[in-house]
């Protein structure tokens, strides 16, 4: 199969609010008031966690189907912490992103622990967002003049 391409495009509405379009969907990204925003949407690092959870959900159901069991539902909780000092230019001693991301997955399925282990190993191995978070991905940033 050839590569699939995905893209978003958007515009800033304020210093903290960005409205992106992905296909026919609008994604509103904003900061909470405690970080100078108007709290009109999740912030970028929350969307990263939500994106990860969404990908784990898709992969969890796909792999369960391939392994021949019914996954009734998944509960996924993801959290991480980051030091905002680099973001705000106060200190450059720590990285800007998450130091660690913790994932808790609760599958609702009647399966053995052995099959569950095989399932989660495949989900983790095949989830594109998991891959992007665990491996370096080349990024090319271009700045265009107006």
N, C-alpha and C. Protein backbone atom coordinates (compact mmCIF):
# COMPACT_ATOMS: atom_id res chain seq x y z
N UNK A 1 0.85 -1.17 0.00
CA UNK A 1 0.00 0.00 0.00
C UNK A 1 0.90 1.24 0.00
N UNK A 2 0.53 2.22 -0.76
CA UNK A 2 1.31 3.46 -0.78
C UNK A 2 1.02 4.29 0.47
N UNK A 3 1.90 5.24 0.73
CA UNK A 3 1.76 6.09 1.90
C UNK A 3 0.44 6.86 1.89
N UNK A 4 -0.15 7.00 3.06
CA UNK A 4 -1.31 7.87 3.24
C UNK A 4 -0.79 9.22 3.67
N UNK A 5 -1.40 10.28 3.20
CA UNK A 5 -0.99 11.63 3.60
C UNK A 5 -2.12 12.29 4.34
N UNK A 6 -1.78 12.93 5.44
CA UNK A 6 -2.74 13.66 6.24
C UNK A 6 -2.23 15.08 6.39
N UNK A 7 -3.15 16.02 6.53
CA UNK A 7 -2.72 17.40 6.71
C UNK A 7 -3.79 18.18 7.46
N UNK A 8 -3.34 19.26 8.06
CA UNK A 8 -4.24 20.22 8.67
C UNK A 8 -3.81 21.59 8.18
N UNK A 9 -4.69 22.55 8.28
CA UNK A 9 -4.37 23.92 7.93
C UNK A 9 -5.16 24.79 8.89
N UNK A 10 -4.59 25.90 9.30
CA UNK A 10 -5.32 26.73 10.22
C UNK A 10 -4.73 28.12 10.35
N UNK A 11 -5.38 28.91 11.19
CA UNK A 11 -5.00 30.30 11.39
C UNK A 11 -5.14 30.65 12.87
N UNK A 12 -4.24 31.50 13.32
CA UNK A 12 -4.36 31.97 14.70
C UNK A 12 -5.46 33.03 14.77
N UNK A 13 -6.30 32.92 15.79
CA UNK A 13 -7.33 33.94 16.03
C UNK A 13 -6.91 34.89 17.13
N UNK A 14 -6.09 34.40 18.05
CA UNK A 14 -5.50 35.22 19.10
C UNK A 14 -4.10 34.68 19.35
N UNK A 15 -3.41 35.25 20.32
CA UNK A 15 -2.07 34.77 20.65
C UNK A 15 -2.08 33.35 21.19
N UNK A 16 -3.22 32.89 21.72
CA UNK A 16 -3.30 31.53 22.28
C UNK A 16 -4.27 30.62 21.54
N UNK A 17 -5.14 31.18 20.72
CA UNK A 17 -6.17 30.39 20.05
C UNK A 17 -5.81 30.17 18.58
N UNK A 18 -5.83 28.90 18.20
CA UNK A 18 -5.56 28.50 16.82
C UNK A 18 -6.71 27.62 16.37
N UNK A 19 -7.26 27.90 15.20
CA UNK A 19 -8.34 27.08 14.66
C UNK A 19 -7.80 26.34 13.44
N UNK A 20 -7.78 25.02 13.56
CA UNK A 20 -7.27 24.17 12.50
C UNK A 20 -8.43 23.48 11.79
N UNK A 21 -8.20 23.13 10.56
CA UNK A 21 -9.17 22.34 9.80
C UNK A 21 -8.48 21.06 9.36
N UNK A 22 -9.15 19.95 9.64
CA UNK A 22 -8.71 18.63 9.21
C UNK A 22 -9.90 18.02 8.48
N UNK A 23 -9.78 17.87 7.18
CA UNK A 23 -10.90 17.47 6.35
C UNK A 23 -12.04 18.44 6.59
N UNK A 24 -13.23 17.98 7.02
CA UNK A 24 -14.36 18.88 7.24
C UNK A 24 -14.49 19.29 8.71
N UNK A 25 -13.49 18.99 9.52
CA UNK A 25 -13.57 19.24 10.96
C UNK A 25 -12.78 20.46 11.38
N UNK A 26 -13.34 21.21 12.32
CA UNK A 26 -12.63 22.34 12.93
C UNK A 26 -12.11 21.88 14.27
N UNK A 27 -10.86 22.20 14.53
CA UNK A 27 -10.22 21.86 15.79
C UNK A 27 -9.81 23.17 16.45
N UNK A 28 -10.39 23.46 17.59
CA UNK A 28 -10.08 24.70 18.30
C UNK A 28 -9.05 24.40 19.37
N UNK A 29 -7.93 25.06 19.29
CA UNK A 29 -6.84 24.90 20.25
C UNK A 29 -6.69 26.21 20.99
N UNK A 30 -6.71 26.15 22.30
CA UNK A 30 -6.57 27.36 23.11
C UNK A 30 -5.91 26.96 24.43
N UNK A 31 -5.47 27.94 25.14
CA UNK A 31 -4.87 27.71 26.45
C UNK A 31 -5.90 28.03 27.53
N UNK A 32 -5.75 27.39 28.69
CA UNK A 32 -6.64 27.77 29.80
C UNK A 32 -6.32 29.19 30.25
N UNK A 33 -7.23 29.78 30.98
CA UNK A 33 -7.02 31.16 31.43
C UNK A 33 -5.77 31.28 32.29
N UNK A 34 -5.41 30.23 33.01
CA UNK A 34 -4.20 30.26 33.84
C UNK A 34 -2.93 30.40 33.02
N UNK A 35 -3.02 30.10 31.71
CA UNK A 35 -1.87 30.24 30.82
C UNK A 35 -2.10 31.34 29.78
N UNK A 36 -3.03 32.25 30.07
CA UNK A 36 -3.24 33.41 29.21
C UNK A 36 -4.28 33.26 28.12
N UNK A 37 -4.94 32.13 28.05
CA UNK A 37 -5.94 31.90 27.01
C UNK A 37 -7.35 32.18 27.48
N UNK A 38 -8.30 31.84 26.62
CA UNK A 38 -9.72 32.01 26.95
C UNK A 38 -10.41 30.67 27.20
N UNK A 39 -9.64 29.59 27.21
CA UNK A 39 -10.15 28.26 27.52
C UNK A 39 -11.27 27.83 26.56
N UNK A 40 -11.08 28.13 25.27
CA UNK A 40 -12.10 27.78 24.26
C UNK A 40 -11.86 26.41 23.63
N UNK A 41 -10.81 25.74 24.05
CA UNK A 41 -10.51 24.41 23.54
C UNK A 41 -9.36 23.83 24.34
N UNK A 42 -9.09 22.57 24.11
CA UNK A 42 -7.94 21.94 24.75
C UNK A 42 -6.67 22.61 24.24
N UNK A 43 -5.60 22.53 25.02
CA UNK A 43 -4.36 23.14 24.56
C UNK A 43 -3.54 22.13 23.75
N UNK A 44 -2.47 22.56 23.10
CA UNK A 44 -1.72 21.65 22.21
C UNK A 44 -1.23 20.37 22.88
N UNK A 45 -0.73 20.47 24.11
CA UNK A 45 -0.22 19.26 24.75
C UNK A 45 -1.35 18.32 25.20
N UNK A 46 -2.54 18.88 25.47
CA UNK A 46 -3.70 18.03 25.75
C UNK A 46 -4.17 17.32 24.48
N UNK A 47 -4.15 18.03 23.35
CA UNK A 47 -4.50 17.40 22.08
C UNK A 47 -3.54 16.28 21.72
N UNK A 48 -2.27 16.44 22.09
CA UNK A 48 -1.30 15.38 21.84
C UNK A 48 -1.70 14.12 22.59
N UNK A 49 -2.07 14.27 23.87
CA UNK A 49 -2.50 13.12 24.66
C UNK A 49 -3.80 12.52 24.12
N UNK A 50 -4.74 13.38 23.73
CA UNK A 50 -6.00 12.90 23.16
C UNK A 50 -5.77 12.17 21.84
N UNK A 51 -4.86 12.69 21.04
CA UNK A 51 -4.52 12.04 19.78
C UNK A 51 -3.95 10.64 20.03
N UNK A 52 -3.10 10.54 21.03
CA UNK A 52 -2.52 9.26 21.40
C UNK A 52 -3.61 8.29 21.84
N UNK A 53 -4.52 8.75 22.70
CA UNK A 53 -5.62 7.90 23.16
C UNK A 53 -6.50 7.46 22.00
N UNK A 54 -6.79 8.38 21.10
CA UNK A 54 -7.62 8.03 19.94
C UNK A 54 -6.96 6.97 19.07
N UNK A 55 -5.67 7.09 18.90
CA UNK A 55 -4.94 6.12 18.09
C UNK A 55 -4.90 4.75 18.78
N UNK A 56 -4.67 4.75 20.09
CA UNK A 56 -4.69 3.49 20.83
C UNK A 56 -6.06 2.83 20.76
N UNK A 57 -7.12 3.63 20.79
CA UNK A 57 -8.47 3.09 20.67
C UNK A 57 -8.68 2.41 19.32
N UNK A 58 -8.32 3.10 18.25
CA UNK A 58 -8.49 2.52 16.91
C UNK A 58 -7.68 1.23 16.78
N UNK A 59 -6.42 1.29 17.19
CA UNK A 59 -5.57 0.12 17.08
C UNK A 59 -6.04 -1.01 17.98
N UNK A 60 -6.52 -0.66 19.17
CA UNK A 60 -7.02 -1.69 20.09
C UNK A 60 -8.16 -2.49 19.49
N UNK A 61 -9.10 -1.80 18.88
CA UNK A 61 -10.23 -2.49 18.26
C UNK A 61 -9.80 -3.26 17.02
N UNK A 62 -8.93 -2.67 16.22
CA UNK A 62 -8.45 -3.34 15.00
C UNK A 62 -7.72 -4.63 15.34
N UNK A 63 -6.80 -4.57 16.29
CA UNK A 63 -6.02 -5.75 16.66
C UNK A 63 -6.91 -6.80 17.34
N UNK A 64 -7.84 -6.38 18.18
CA UNK A 64 -8.75 -7.34 18.81
C UNK A 64 -9.52 -8.12 17.74
N UNK A 65 -10.00 -7.41 16.74
CA UNK A 65 -10.71 -8.06 15.63
C UNK A 65 -9.81 -9.06 14.92
N UNK A 66 -8.57 -8.66 14.66
CA UNK A 66 -7.62 -9.56 13.99
C UNK A 66 -7.32 -10.80 14.83
N UNK A 67 -7.29 -10.62 16.16
CA UNK A 67 -7.00 -11.74 17.05
C UNK A 67 -8.24 -12.55 17.40
N UNK A 68 -9.39 -12.12 16.88
CA UNK A 68 -10.61 -12.91 17.01
C UNK A 68 -11.38 -12.74 18.30
N UNK A 69 -11.24 -11.59 18.94
CA UNK A 69 -12.07 -11.38 20.13
C UNK A 69 -12.78 -10.04 20.05
N UNK A 70 -13.89 -9.97 20.79
CA UNK A 70 -14.70 -8.75 20.80
C UNK A 70 -14.23 -7.86 21.93
N UNK A 71 -13.87 -6.66 21.56
CA UNK A 71 -13.50 -5.63 22.53
C UNK A 71 -14.73 -4.77 22.73
N UNK A 72 -15.39 -4.91 23.86
CA UNK A 72 -16.63 -4.18 24.10
C UNK A 72 -16.39 -2.68 24.23
N UNK A 73 -15.32 -2.31 24.92
CA UNK A 73 -14.94 -0.90 25.02
C UNK A 73 -13.55 -0.82 25.63
N UNK A 74 -12.97 0.34 25.49
CA UNK A 74 -11.67 0.63 26.09
C UNK A 74 -11.81 1.89 26.94
N UNK A 75 -11.25 1.87 28.12
CA UNK A 75 -11.08 3.09 28.89
C UNK A 75 -9.60 3.40 28.86
N UNK A 76 -9.27 4.62 28.46
CA UNK A 76 -7.87 5.01 28.32
C UNK A 76 -7.64 6.30 29.10
N UNK A 77 -6.66 6.29 29.95
CA UNK A 77 -6.26 7.50 30.67
C UNK A 77 -4.79 7.74 30.39
N UNK A 78 -4.47 8.95 29.97
CA UNK A 78 -3.09 9.30 29.67
C UNK A 78 -2.77 10.60 30.37
N UNK A 79 -1.62 10.63 31.02
CA UNK A 79 -1.17 11.88 31.63
C UNK A 79 0.33 12.01 31.49
N UNK A 80 0.78 13.21 31.62
CA UNK A 80 2.20 13.49 31.55
C UNK A 80 2.46 14.83 32.20
N UNK A 81 3.71 15.06 32.54
CA UNK A 81 4.04 16.37 33.10
C UNK A 81 5.22 16.96 32.37
N UNK A 82 5.17 18.27 32.27
CA UNK A 82 6.26 19.01 31.62
C UNK A 82 6.55 20.25 32.44
N UNK A 83 7.75 20.73 32.30
CA UNK A 83 8.16 21.95 33.00
C UNK A 83 7.97 23.11 32.03
N UNK A 84 7.11 24.10 32.36
CA UNK A 84 6.82 25.18 31.43
C UNK A 84 7.92 26.25 31.34
N UNK A 85 9.00 26.11 32.11
CA UNK A 85 10.03 27.15 32.10
C UNK A 85 10.63 27.37 30.71
N UNK A 86 10.88 26.31 29.96
CA UNK A 86 11.45 26.46 28.61
C UNK A 86 10.42 27.12 27.69
N UNK A 87 9.18 26.71 27.78
CA UNK A 87 8.10 27.29 27.00
C UNK A 87 8.04 28.80 27.18
N UNK A 88 8.20 29.25 28.40
CA UNK A 88 8.13 30.68 28.70
C UNK A 88 9.50 31.37 28.66
N UNK A 89 10.53 30.65 28.24
CA UNK A 89 11.86 31.24 28.09
C UNK A 89 12.55 31.58 29.40
N UNK A 90 12.14 30.96 30.49
CA UNK A 90 12.72 31.25 31.80
C UNK A 90 13.97 30.43 32.08
N UNK A 91 14.02 29.23 31.56
CA UNK A 91 15.16 28.34 31.78
C UNK A 91 15.23 27.36 30.62
N UNK A 92 16.44 26.98 30.27
CA UNK A 92 16.62 26.03 29.17
C UNK A 92 17.31 24.76 29.66
N UNK A 93 17.20 24.50 30.95
CA UNK A 93 17.87 23.34 31.53
C UNK A 93 17.09 22.04 31.31
N UNK A 94 15.80 22.14 31.02
CA UNK A 94 15.00 20.95 30.76
C UNK A 94 14.37 21.05 29.38
N UNK A 95 13.98 19.94 28.83
CA UNK A 95 13.31 19.93 27.53
C UNK A 95 11.94 20.59 27.63
N UNK A 96 11.39 20.99 26.50
CA UNK A 96 10.10 21.69 26.49
C UNK A 96 8.92 20.73 26.60
N UNK A 97 9.09 19.52 26.12
CA UNK A 97 7.98 18.58 26.06
C UNK A 97 7.81 17.73 27.31
N UNK A 98 6.91 16.78 27.19
CA UNK A 98 6.65 15.86 28.29
C UNK A 98 7.91 15.12 28.68
N UNK A 99 8.13 15.00 29.98
CA UNK A 99 9.26 14.23 30.50
C UNK A 99 8.95 12.74 30.43
N UNK A 100 7.70 12.42 30.68
CA UNK A 100 7.23 11.04 30.65
C UNK A 100 5.74 11.06 30.42
N UNK A 101 5.26 10.10 29.68
CA UNK A 101 3.82 9.95 29.44
C UNK A 101 3.40 8.61 30.03
N UNK A 102 2.35 8.64 30.83
CA UNK A 102 1.83 7.43 31.47
C UNK A 102 0.49 7.07 30.85
N UNK A 103 0.36 5.82 30.44
CA UNK A 103 -0.85 5.35 29.79
C UNK A 103 -1.45 4.21 30.61
N UNK A 104 -2.74 4.32 30.89
CA UNK A 104 -3.48 3.24 31.55
C UNK A 104 -4.62 2.85 30.61
N UNK A 105 -4.64 1.59 30.25
CA UNK A 105 -5.67 1.08 29.33
C UNK A 105 -6.45 -0.02 30.05
N UNK A 106 -7.76 0.12 30.03
CA UNK A 106 -8.62 -0.91 30.62
C UNK A 106 -9.52 -1.46 29.51
N UNK A 107 -9.16 -2.64 28.98
CA UNK A 107 -10.00 -3.25 27.95
C UNK A 107 -11.15 -4.03 28.58
N UNK A 108 -12.31 -3.92 27.99
CA UNK A 108 -13.47 -4.68 28.41
C UNK A 108 -13.66 -5.80 27.39
N UNK A 109 -13.13 -6.98 27.75
CA UNK A 109 -13.19 -8.13 26.85
C UNK A 109 -12.99 -9.39 27.68
N UNK A 110 -13.61 -10.45 27.24
CA UNK A 110 -13.47 -11.72 27.94
C UNK A 110 -12.37 -12.52 27.25
N UNK A 111 -11.12 -12.27 27.69
CA UNK A 111 -9.96 -12.94 27.07
C UNK A 111 -8.95 -13.32 28.15
N UNK A 112 -8.08 -14.23 27.80
CA UNK A 112 -7.03 -14.67 28.72
C UNK A 112 -5.97 -13.59 28.86
N UNK A 113 -5.20 -13.66 29.93
CA UNK A 113 -4.11 -12.69 30.12
C UNK A 113 -3.04 -12.85 29.04
N UNK A 114 -2.84 -14.07 28.54
CA UNK A 114 -1.87 -14.30 27.47
C UNK A 114 -2.30 -13.59 26.18
N UNK A 115 -3.58 -13.71 25.85
CA UNK A 115 -4.08 -13.05 24.64
C UNK A 115 -4.07 -11.53 24.82
N UNK A 116 -4.37 -11.07 26.02
CA UNK A 116 -4.32 -9.64 26.30
C UNK A 116 -2.90 -9.09 26.14
N UNK A 117 -1.90 -9.85 26.55
CA UNK A 117 -0.50 -9.45 26.39
C UNK A 117 -0.14 -9.38 24.91
N UNK A 118 -0.55 -10.36 24.15
CA UNK A 118 -0.29 -10.36 22.70
C UNK A 118 -0.97 -9.15 22.05
N UNK A 119 -2.19 -8.88 22.50
CA UNK A 119 -2.98 -7.75 21.99
C UNK A 119 -2.27 -6.42 22.24
N UNK A 120 -1.88 -6.15 23.50
CA UNK A 120 -1.29 -4.85 23.82
C UNK A 120 0.08 -4.69 23.17
N UNK A 121 0.83 -5.77 23.04
CA UNK A 121 2.12 -5.69 22.35
C UNK A 121 1.93 -5.26 20.90
N UNK A 122 0.92 -5.83 20.23
CA UNK A 122 0.64 -5.47 18.84
C UNK A 122 0.12 -4.05 18.73
N UNK A 123 -0.75 -3.65 19.66
CA UNK A 123 -1.29 -2.28 19.66
C UNK A 123 -0.14 -1.28 19.80
N UNK A 124 0.72 -1.51 20.77
CA UNK A 124 1.85 -0.59 21.00
C UNK A 124 2.78 -0.55 19.79
N UNK A 125 3.04 -1.69 19.21
CA UNK A 125 3.95 -1.77 18.06
C UNK A 125 3.39 -1.08 16.81
N UNK A 126 2.08 -1.13 16.62
CA UNK A 126 1.48 -0.67 15.36
C UNK A 126 0.84 0.70 15.43
N UNK A 127 0.69 1.29 16.61
CA UNK A 127 0.05 2.59 16.76
C UNK A 127 0.96 3.70 16.21
N UNK A 128 0.54 4.41 15.16
CA UNK A 128 1.38 5.46 14.59
C UNK A 128 1.76 6.57 15.57
N UNK A 129 0.83 6.97 16.44
CA UNK A 129 1.15 8.03 17.40
C UNK A 129 2.17 7.53 18.41
N UNK A 130 2.03 6.30 18.86
CA UNK A 130 3.02 5.71 19.76
C UNK A 130 4.39 5.74 19.08
N UNK A 131 4.43 5.37 17.82
CA UNK A 131 5.69 5.37 17.07
C UNK A 131 6.28 6.78 17.00
N UNK A 132 5.44 7.78 16.70
CA UNK A 132 5.94 9.16 16.61
C UNK A 132 6.44 9.67 17.95
N UNK A 133 5.80 9.27 19.04
CA UNK A 133 6.23 9.74 20.35
C UNK A 133 7.50 9.05 20.83
N UNK A 134 7.73 7.83 20.38
CA UNK A 134 8.89 7.08 20.86
C UNK A 134 10.11 7.18 19.93
N UNK A 135 9.92 7.69 18.75
CA UNK A 135 11.03 7.76 17.78
C UNK A 135 11.16 9.15 17.20
N UNK A 136 12.37 9.48 16.81
CA UNK A 136 12.61 10.78 16.18
C UNK A 136 11.97 10.77 14.80
N UNK A 137 11.23 11.82 14.49
CA UNK A 137 10.61 12.00 13.18
C UNK A 137 11.18 13.26 12.57
N UNK A 138 11.63 13.17 11.35
CA UNK A 138 12.17 14.33 10.66
C UNK A 138 11.06 15.39 10.46
N UNK A 139 11.39 16.62 10.80
CA UNK A 139 10.45 17.72 10.63
C UNK A 139 11.14 18.81 9.82
N UNK A 140 10.48 19.27 8.79
CA UNK A 140 11.01 20.34 7.94
C UNK A 140 10.10 21.55 8.09
N UNK A 141 10.59 22.62 8.71
CA UNK A 141 9.80 23.82 8.91
C UNK A 141 10.23 24.87 7.90
N UNK A 142 9.26 25.38 7.15
CA UNK A 142 9.51 26.46 6.19
C UNK A 142 8.78 27.71 6.65
N UNK A 143 9.43 28.84 6.56
CA UNK A 143 8.81 30.10 6.91
C UNK A 143 8.60 30.88 5.61
N UNK A 144 7.36 31.26 5.32
CA UNK A 144 7.02 32.01 4.11
C UNK A 144 6.76 33.46 4.48
N UNK A 145 7.22 34.36 3.67
CA UNK A 145 6.90 35.77 3.92
C UNK A 145 5.53 36.07 3.35
N UNK A 146 4.84 37.06 3.93
CA UNK A 146 3.48 37.38 3.45
C UNK A 146 3.49 38.33 2.31
